Amino acid sequence: MIRSFSISALLMAALALPAQAESPEIVAATAQRVGMGWRIDVTLRHGDTGWEHYADGWEVLDAGGNRLGYRELMHPHVDEQPFTRGLVNVMLPDGIREIHIRARCSENGWARKTVPVALRH
């Protein structure tokens, strides 16, 4: 009887915890050459709850994980999901054929997963 109560208590405690939003999901990403640089557009989906927890940025990486660009997101998008934001004048090294996009949120930090984007020169 005591064991059954302990399991029930643990289950009830777990259910009482607030739901955790997942890392921001990159729904789409494109790269377009514009003049000497590149325009990167990224569409994100995230369970933004307000200022305390929202998707707050994404970055452009090379294959080695070096940052080539960063787009800060300045406010939550609670009622605008998914949403797209761009970054212009991103200077990419000559000869690069692919970039990787990684998103972050204000509560959980950087997502583990990156999304590759092929470049068309």
N, C-alpha and C. Protein backbone atom coordinates (compact mmCIF):
# COMPACT_ATOMS: atom_id res chain seq x y z
N MET A 1 0.82 -1.19 0.00
CA MET A 1 0.00 0.00 0.00
C MET A 1 0.87 1.26 0.00
N ILE A 2 1.94 1.26 0.79
CA ILE A 2 2.83 2.42 0.83
C ILE A 2 3.49 2.63 -0.53
N ARG A 3 3.92 1.56 -1.15
CA ARG A 3 4.57 1.65 -2.46
C ARG A 3 3.62 2.25 -3.50
N SER A 4 2.40 1.82 -3.51
CA SER A 4 1.40 2.33 -4.44
C SER A 4 1.18 3.83 -4.22
N PHE A 5 1.15 4.25 -2.98
CA PHE A 5 0.97 5.66 -2.67
C PHE A 5 2.16 6.47 -3.19
N SER A 6 3.38 5.97 -3.04
CA SER A 6 4.58 6.68 -3.48
C SER A 6 4.57 6.89 -4.99
N ILE A 7 4.21 5.86 -5.74
CA ILE A 7 4.16 5.97 -7.19
C ILE A 7 3.09 6.98 -7.60
N SER A 8 1.93 6.92 -6.95
CA SER A 8 0.87 7.87 -7.25
C SER A 8 1.31 9.30 -6.93
N ALA A 9 1.98 9.49 -5.82
CA ALA A 9 2.44 10.81 -5.44
C ALA A 9 3.46 11.34 -6.44
N LEU A 10 4.37 10.48 -6.90
CA LEU A 10 5.35 10.89 -7.90
C LEU A 10 4.67 11.28 -9.21
N LEU A 11 3.70 10.49 -9.63
CA LEU A 11 2.98 10.78 -10.86
C LEU A 11 2.24 12.11 -10.75
N MET A 12 1.57 12.34 -9.64
CA MET A 12 0.84 13.60 -9.45
C MET A 12 1.80 14.78 -9.43
N ALA A 13 2.96 14.62 -8.82
CA ALA A 13 3.95 15.70 -8.77
C ALA A 13 4.47 16.01 -10.17
N ALA A 14 4.71 14.98 -10.96
CA ALA A 14 5.20 15.18 -12.33
C ALA A 14 4.15 15.88 -13.17
N LEU A 15 2.90 15.54 -13.01
CA LEU A 15 1.83 16.16 -13.78
C LEU A 15 1.62 17.62 -13.37
N ALA A 16 1.99 17.96 -12.16
CA ALA A 16 1.82 19.33 -11.68
C ALA A 16 2.89 20.27 -12.19
N LEU A 17 3.99 19.73 -12.74
CA LEU A 17 5.05 20.57 -13.26
C LEU A 17 4.56 21.33 -14.49
N PRO A 18 5.04 22.57 -14.70
CA PRO A 18 4.62 23.31 -15.88
C PRO A 18 5.16 22.63 -17.14
N ALA A 19 4.40 22.73 -18.22
CA ALA A 19 4.82 22.14 -19.49
C ALA A 19 6.03 22.89 -20.01
N GLN A 20 7.02 22.17 -20.47
CA GLN A 20 8.22 22.77 -21.02
C GLN A 20 8.11 22.85 -22.54
N ALA A 21 8.29 24.02 -23.07
CA ALA A 21 8.31 24.15 -24.53
C ALA A 21 9.59 23.51 -25.05
N GLU A 22 9.48 22.90 -26.19
CA GLU A 22 10.64 22.30 -26.82
C GLU A 22 11.56 23.40 -27.36
N SER A 23 12.71 22.99 -27.84
CA SER A 23 13.60 23.94 -28.52
C SER A 23 12.87 24.47 -29.74
N PRO A 24 13.24 25.66 -30.17
CA PRO A 24 12.60 26.19 -31.38
C PRO A 24 12.83 25.23 -32.56
N GLU A 25 11.78 25.02 -33.33
CA GLU A 25 11.87 24.16 -34.51
C GLU A 25 12.08 25.04 -35.74
N ILE A 26 13.09 24.70 -36.53
CA ILE A 26 13.33 25.40 -37.78
C ILE A 26 12.45 24.73 -38.82
N VAL A 27 11.41 25.43 -39.26
CA VAL A 27 10.44 24.91 -40.21
C VAL A 27 10.97 25.04 -41.64
N ALA A 28 11.67 26.14 -41.92
CA ALA A 28 12.23 26.38 -43.24
C ALA A 28 13.39 27.34 -43.12
N ALA A 29 14.33 27.26 -44.06
CA ALA A 29 15.45 28.19 -44.10
C ALA A 29 15.93 28.30 -45.55
N THR A 30 16.18 29.52 -45.98
CA THR A 30 16.66 29.76 -47.34
C THR A 30 17.83 30.73 -47.31
N ALA A 31 18.67 30.63 -48.33
CA ALA A 31 19.79 31.55 -48.50
C ALA A 31 19.77 32.05 -49.94
N GLN A 32 19.87 33.35 -50.10
CA GLN A 32 19.84 33.95 -51.42
C GLN A 32 20.97 34.96 -51.53
N ARG A 33 21.75 34.85 -52.60
CA ARG A 33 22.84 35.80 -52.82
C ARG A 33 22.23 37.15 -53.20
N VAL A 34 22.69 38.20 -52.50
CA VAL A 34 22.23 39.57 -52.76
C VAL A 34 23.47 40.46 -52.76
N GLY A 35 23.86 40.91 -53.95
CA GLY A 35 25.07 41.72 -54.05
C GLY A 35 26.29 40.92 -53.63
N MET A 36 27.08 41.49 -52.73
CA MET A 36 28.29 40.82 -52.25
C MET A 36 28.01 39.84 -51.11
N GLY A 37 26.83 39.93 -50.50
CA GLY A 37 26.52 39.10 -49.35
C GLY A 37 25.35 38.16 -49.62
N TRP A 38 24.79 37.65 -48.55
CA TRP A 38 23.68 36.70 -48.61
C TRP A 38 22.56 37.17 -47.71
N ARG A 39 21.35 36.85 -48.10
CA ARG A 39 20.16 37.05 -47.26
C ARG A 39 19.72 35.67 -46.79
N ILE A 40 19.62 35.51 -45.49
CA ILE A 40 19.19 34.25 -44.88
C ILE A 40 17.82 34.49 -44.25
N ASP A 41 16.83 33.69 -44.64
CA ASP A 41 15.49 33.75 -44.04
C ASP A 41 15.22 32.44 -43.32
N VAL A 42 14.75 32.55 -42.10
CA VAL A 42 14.49 31.37 -41.26
C VAL A 42 13.08 31.45 -40.70
N THR A 43 12.33 30.36 -40.85
CA THR A 43 11.00 30.25 -40.26
C THR A 43 11.08 29.34 -39.05
N LEU A 44 10.65 29.86 -37.91
CA LEU A 44 10.69 29.12 -36.64
C LEU A 44 9.29 28.86 -36.11
N ARG A 45 9.19 27.76 -35.36
CA ARG A 45 7.98 27.47 -34.59
C ARG A 45 8.47 27.16 -33.17
N HIS A 46 7.82 27.78 -32.19
CA HIS A 46 8.19 27.56 -30.79
C HIS A 46 7.00 27.88 -29.91
N GLY A 47 6.88 27.20 -28.82
CA GLY A 47 5.79 27.43 -27.88
C GLY A 47 6.03 28.64 -27.00
N ASP A 48 6.22 29.80 -27.62
CA ASP A 48 6.44 31.03 -26.84
C ASP A 48 5.30 31.22 -25.84
N THR A 49 5.67 31.54 -24.60
CA THR A 49 4.65 31.79 -23.58
C THR A 49 4.61 33.24 -23.15
N GLY A 50 5.54 34.04 -23.62
CA GLY A 50 5.64 35.45 -23.24
C GLY A 50 7.10 35.79 -23.03
N TRP A 51 7.33 36.91 -22.35
CA TRP A 51 8.69 37.40 -22.15
C TRP A 51 9.58 36.44 -21.36
N GLU A 52 8.98 35.60 -20.54
CA GLU A 52 9.78 34.68 -19.72
C GLU A 52 10.31 33.49 -20.52
N HIS A 53 9.69 33.18 -21.67
CA HIS A 53 10.14 32.02 -22.46
C HIS A 53 9.72 32.18 -23.91
N TYR A 54 10.69 32.47 -24.76
CA TYR A 54 10.39 32.65 -26.19
C TYR A 54 11.64 32.36 -27.03
N ALA A 55 11.42 32.08 -28.31
CA ALA A 55 12.52 31.91 -29.25
C ALA A 55 13.19 33.27 -29.39
N ASP A 56 14.48 33.36 -29.02
CA ASP A 56 15.12 34.67 -28.99
C ASP A 56 16.28 34.84 -29.96
N GLY A 57 16.49 33.86 -30.85
CA GLY A 57 17.54 34.07 -31.84
C GLY A 57 17.83 32.83 -32.66
N TRP A 58 18.61 33.04 -33.71
CA TRP A 58 19.14 31.95 -34.50
C TRP A 58 20.48 32.38 -35.08
N GLU A 59 21.30 31.39 -35.41
CA GLU A 59 22.61 31.70 -35.94
C GLU A 59 22.92 30.89 -37.19
N VAL A 60 23.83 31.43 -37.98
CA VAL A 60 24.32 30.80 -39.20
C VAL A 60 25.72 30.27 -38.89
N LEU A 61 25.92 28.97 -39.14
CA LEU A 61 27.20 28.32 -38.85
C LEU A 61 27.79 27.71 -40.11
N ASP A 62 29.11 27.56 -40.13
CA ASP A 62 29.72 26.78 -41.19
C ASP A 62 29.79 25.32 -40.73
N ALA A 63 30.32 24.44 -41.56
CA ALA A 63 30.36 23.01 -41.23
C ALA A 63 31.17 22.72 -39.96
N GLY A 64 32.11 23.60 -39.64
CA GLY A 64 32.92 23.42 -38.44
C GLY A 64 32.31 24.00 -37.18
N GLY A 65 31.12 24.58 -37.29
CA GLY A 65 30.46 25.16 -36.13
C GLY A 65 30.85 26.60 -35.85
N ASN A 66 31.57 27.25 -36.77
CA ASN A 66 31.95 28.64 -36.60
C ASN A 66 30.79 29.56 -36.98
N ARG A 67 30.55 30.56 -36.16
CA ARG A 67 29.44 31.48 -36.40
C ARG A 67 29.78 32.43 -37.55
N LEU A 68 28.84 32.49 -38.51
CA LEU A 68 28.96 33.38 -39.65
C LEU A 68 27.97 34.53 -39.59
N GLY A 69 26.94 34.38 -38.77
CA GLY A 69 25.93 35.41 -38.61
C GLY A 69 25.01 35.07 -37.46
N TYR A 70 24.35 36.10 -36.92
CA TYR A 70 23.43 35.91 -35.79
C TYR A 70 22.24 36.85 -35.94
N ARG A 71 21.05 36.33 -35.73
CA ARG A 71 19.81 37.12 -35.77
C ARG A 71 19.16 37.07 -34.41
N GLU A 72 19.18 38.19 -33.71
CA GLU A 72 18.51 38.28 -32.42
C GLU A 72 17.03 38.53 -32.66
N LEU A 73 16.20 37.85 -31.90
CA LEU A 73 14.75 38.06 -31.95
C LEU A 73 14.39 38.84 -30.69
N MET A 74 13.81 40.00 -30.87
CA MET A 74 13.67 40.97 -29.79
C MET A 74 12.43 40.84 -28.91
N HIS A 75 11.48 39.97 -29.31
CA HIS A 75 10.25 39.86 -28.53
C HIS A 75 9.60 38.51 -28.79
N PRO A 76 8.69 38.08 -27.90
CA PRO A 76 7.97 36.83 -28.10
C PRO A 76 6.99 36.91 -29.27
N HIS A 77 6.71 35.75 -29.84
CA HIS A 77 5.75 35.63 -30.94
C HIS A 77 4.65 34.65 -30.53
N VAL A 78 3.98 34.96 -29.44
CA VAL A 78 2.97 34.07 -28.86
C VAL A 78 1.85 33.78 -29.86
N ASP A 79 1.36 34.81 -30.53
CA ASP A 79 0.22 34.66 -31.45
C ASP A 79 0.62 34.63 -32.92
N GLU A 80 1.91 34.51 -33.20
CA GLU A 80 2.40 34.49 -34.58
C GLU A 80 3.31 33.27 -34.73
N GLN A 81 2.72 32.13 -35.01
CA GLN A 81 3.47 30.87 -35.13
C GLN A 81 3.03 30.12 -36.37
N PRO A 82 3.92 29.60 -37.16
CA PRO A 82 5.34 29.92 -37.15
C PRO A 82 5.57 31.34 -37.67
N PHE A 83 6.81 31.83 -37.54
CA PHE A 83 7.14 33.18 -38.01
C PHE A 83 8.49 33.15 -38.71
N THR A 84 8.67 34.09 -39.63
CA THR A 84 9.90 34.16 -40.43
C THR A 84 10.60 35.48 -40.18
N ARG A 85 11.92 35.41 -40.01
CA ARG A 85 12.74 36.61 -39.89
C ARG A 85 13.99 36.40 -40.74
N GLY A 86 14.52 37.51 -41.25
CA GLY A 86 15.67 37.44 -42.12
C GLY A 86 16.89 38.15 -41.54
N LEU A 87 18.02 37.85 -42.15
CA LEU A 87 19.29 38.48 -41.82
C LEU A 87 19.96 38.81 -43.14
N VAL A 88 20.34 40.06 -43.35
CA VAL A 88 20.91 40.48 -44.63
C VAL A 88 22.40 40.79 -44.49
N ASN A 89 23.06 40.83 -45.64
CA ASN A 89 24.49 41.14 -45.72
C ASN A 89 25.36 40.17 -44.94
N VAL A 90 24.99 38.92 -44.96
CA VAL A 90 25.82 37.89 -44.31
C VAL A 90 26.97 37.57 -45.28
N MET A 91 28.18 37.76 -44.82
CA MET A 91 29.35 37.49 -45.65
C MET A 91 29.82 36.06 -45.39
N LEU A 92 29.76 35.26 -46.44
CA LEU A 92 30.16 33.85 -46.34
C LEU A 92 31.49 33.66 -47.02
N PRO A 93 32.33 32.76 -46.48
CA PRO A 93 33.63 32.51 -47.10
C PRO A 93 33.49 31.98 -48.53
N ASP A 94 34.43 32.36 -49.39
CA ASP A 94 34.44 31.85 -50.76
C ASP A 94 34.51 30.33 -50.76
N GLY A 95 33.76 29.72 -51.66
CA GLY A 95 33.80 28.27 -51.83
C GLY A 95 32.89 27.49 -50.91
N ILE A 96 32.27 28.14 -49.94
CA ILE A 96 31.38 27.41 -49.03
C ILE A 96 30.13 26.97 -49.80
N ARG A 97 29.72 25.75 -49.59
CA ARG A 97 28.58 25.18 -50.33
C ARG A 97 27.34 24.97 -49.47
N GLU A 98 27.51 25.02 -48.15
CA GLU A 98 26.40 24.74 -47.24
C GLU A 98 26.61 25.49 -45.95
N ILE A 99 25.52 25.99 -45.39
CA ILE A 99 25.54 26.59 -44.06
C ILE A 99 24.60 25.77 -43.17
N HIS A 100 24.67 26.02 -41.89
CA HIS A 100 23.81 25.34 -40.92
C HIS A 100 23.15 26.40 -40.04
N ILE A 101 21.87 26.21 -39.77
CA ILE A 101 21.11 27.14 -38.94
C ILE A 101 20.78 26.46 -37.61
N ARG A 102 20.98 27.20 -36.54
CA ARG A 102 20.66 26.70 -35.20
C ARG A 102 19.88 27.78 -34.45
N ALA A 103 18.80 27.37 -33.80
CA ALA A 103 17.93 28.31 -33.09
C ALA A 103 18.13 28.19 -31.58
N ARG A 104 17.65 29.20 -30.86
CA ARG A 104 17.71 29.17 -29.40
C ARG A 104 16.46 29.79 -28.80
N CYS A 105 16.25 29.49 -27.52
CA CYS A 105 15.16 30.14 -26.79
C CYS A 105 15.72 30.69 -25.49
N SER A 106 14.99 31.63 -24.93
CA SER A 106 15.45 32.35 -23.75
C SER A 106 15.59 31.48 -22.51
N GLU A 107 14.88 30.38 -22.47
CA GLU A 107 14.91 29.52 -21.28
C GLU A 107 15.86 28.34 -21.42
N ASN A 108 15.84 27.67 -22.57
CA ASN A 108 16.61 26.44 -22.74
C ASN A 108 17.92 26.61 -23.49
N GLY A 109 18.19 27.78 -24.01
CA GLY A 109 19.43 28.02 -24.73
C GLY A 109 19.40 27.46 -26.14
N TRP A 110 20.57 27.13 -26.65
CA TRP A 110 20.71 26.67 -28.03
C TRP A 110 20.17 25.27 -28.22
N ALA A 111 19.46 25.08 -29.33
CA ALA A 111 18.98 23.75 -29.71
C ALA A 111 20.18 22.89 -30.09
N ARG A 112 20.07 21.61 -29.90
CA ARG A 112 21.15 20.69 -30.29
C ARG A 112 21.19 20.48 -31.80
N LYS A 113 20.01 20.48 -32.40
CA LYS A 113 19.89 20.18 -33.82
C LYS A 113 20.16 21.42 -34.68
N THR A 114 20.89 21.23 -35.78
CA THR A 114 21.06 22.27 -36.78
C THR A 114 20.41 21.81 -38.07
N VAL A 115 20.07 22.76 -38.91
CA VAL A 115 19.45 22.46 -40.20
C VAL A 115 20.39 22.92 -41.30
N PRO A 116 20.79 22.01 -42.20
CA PRO A 116 21.67 22.41 -43.30
C PRO A 116 20.90 23.15 -44.39
N VAL A 117 21.56 24.12 -45.00
CA VAL A 117 20.99 24.86 -46.11
C VAL A 117 22.04 24.89 -47.23
N ALA A 118 21.71 24.32 -48.38
CA ALA A 118 22.62 24.32 -49.53
C ALA A 118 22.63 25.71 -50.15
N LEU A 119 23.81 26.15 -50.57
CA LEU A 119 23.96 27.46 -51.21
C LEU A 119 24.01 27.28 -52.72
N ARG A 120 23.29 28.12 -53.41
CA ARG A 120 23.31 28.11 -54.88
C ARG A 120 24.04 29.36 -55.33
N HIS A 121 25.20 29.16 -55.86
CA HIS A 121 26.05 30.31 -56.29
C HIS A 121 25.67 30.76 -57.67
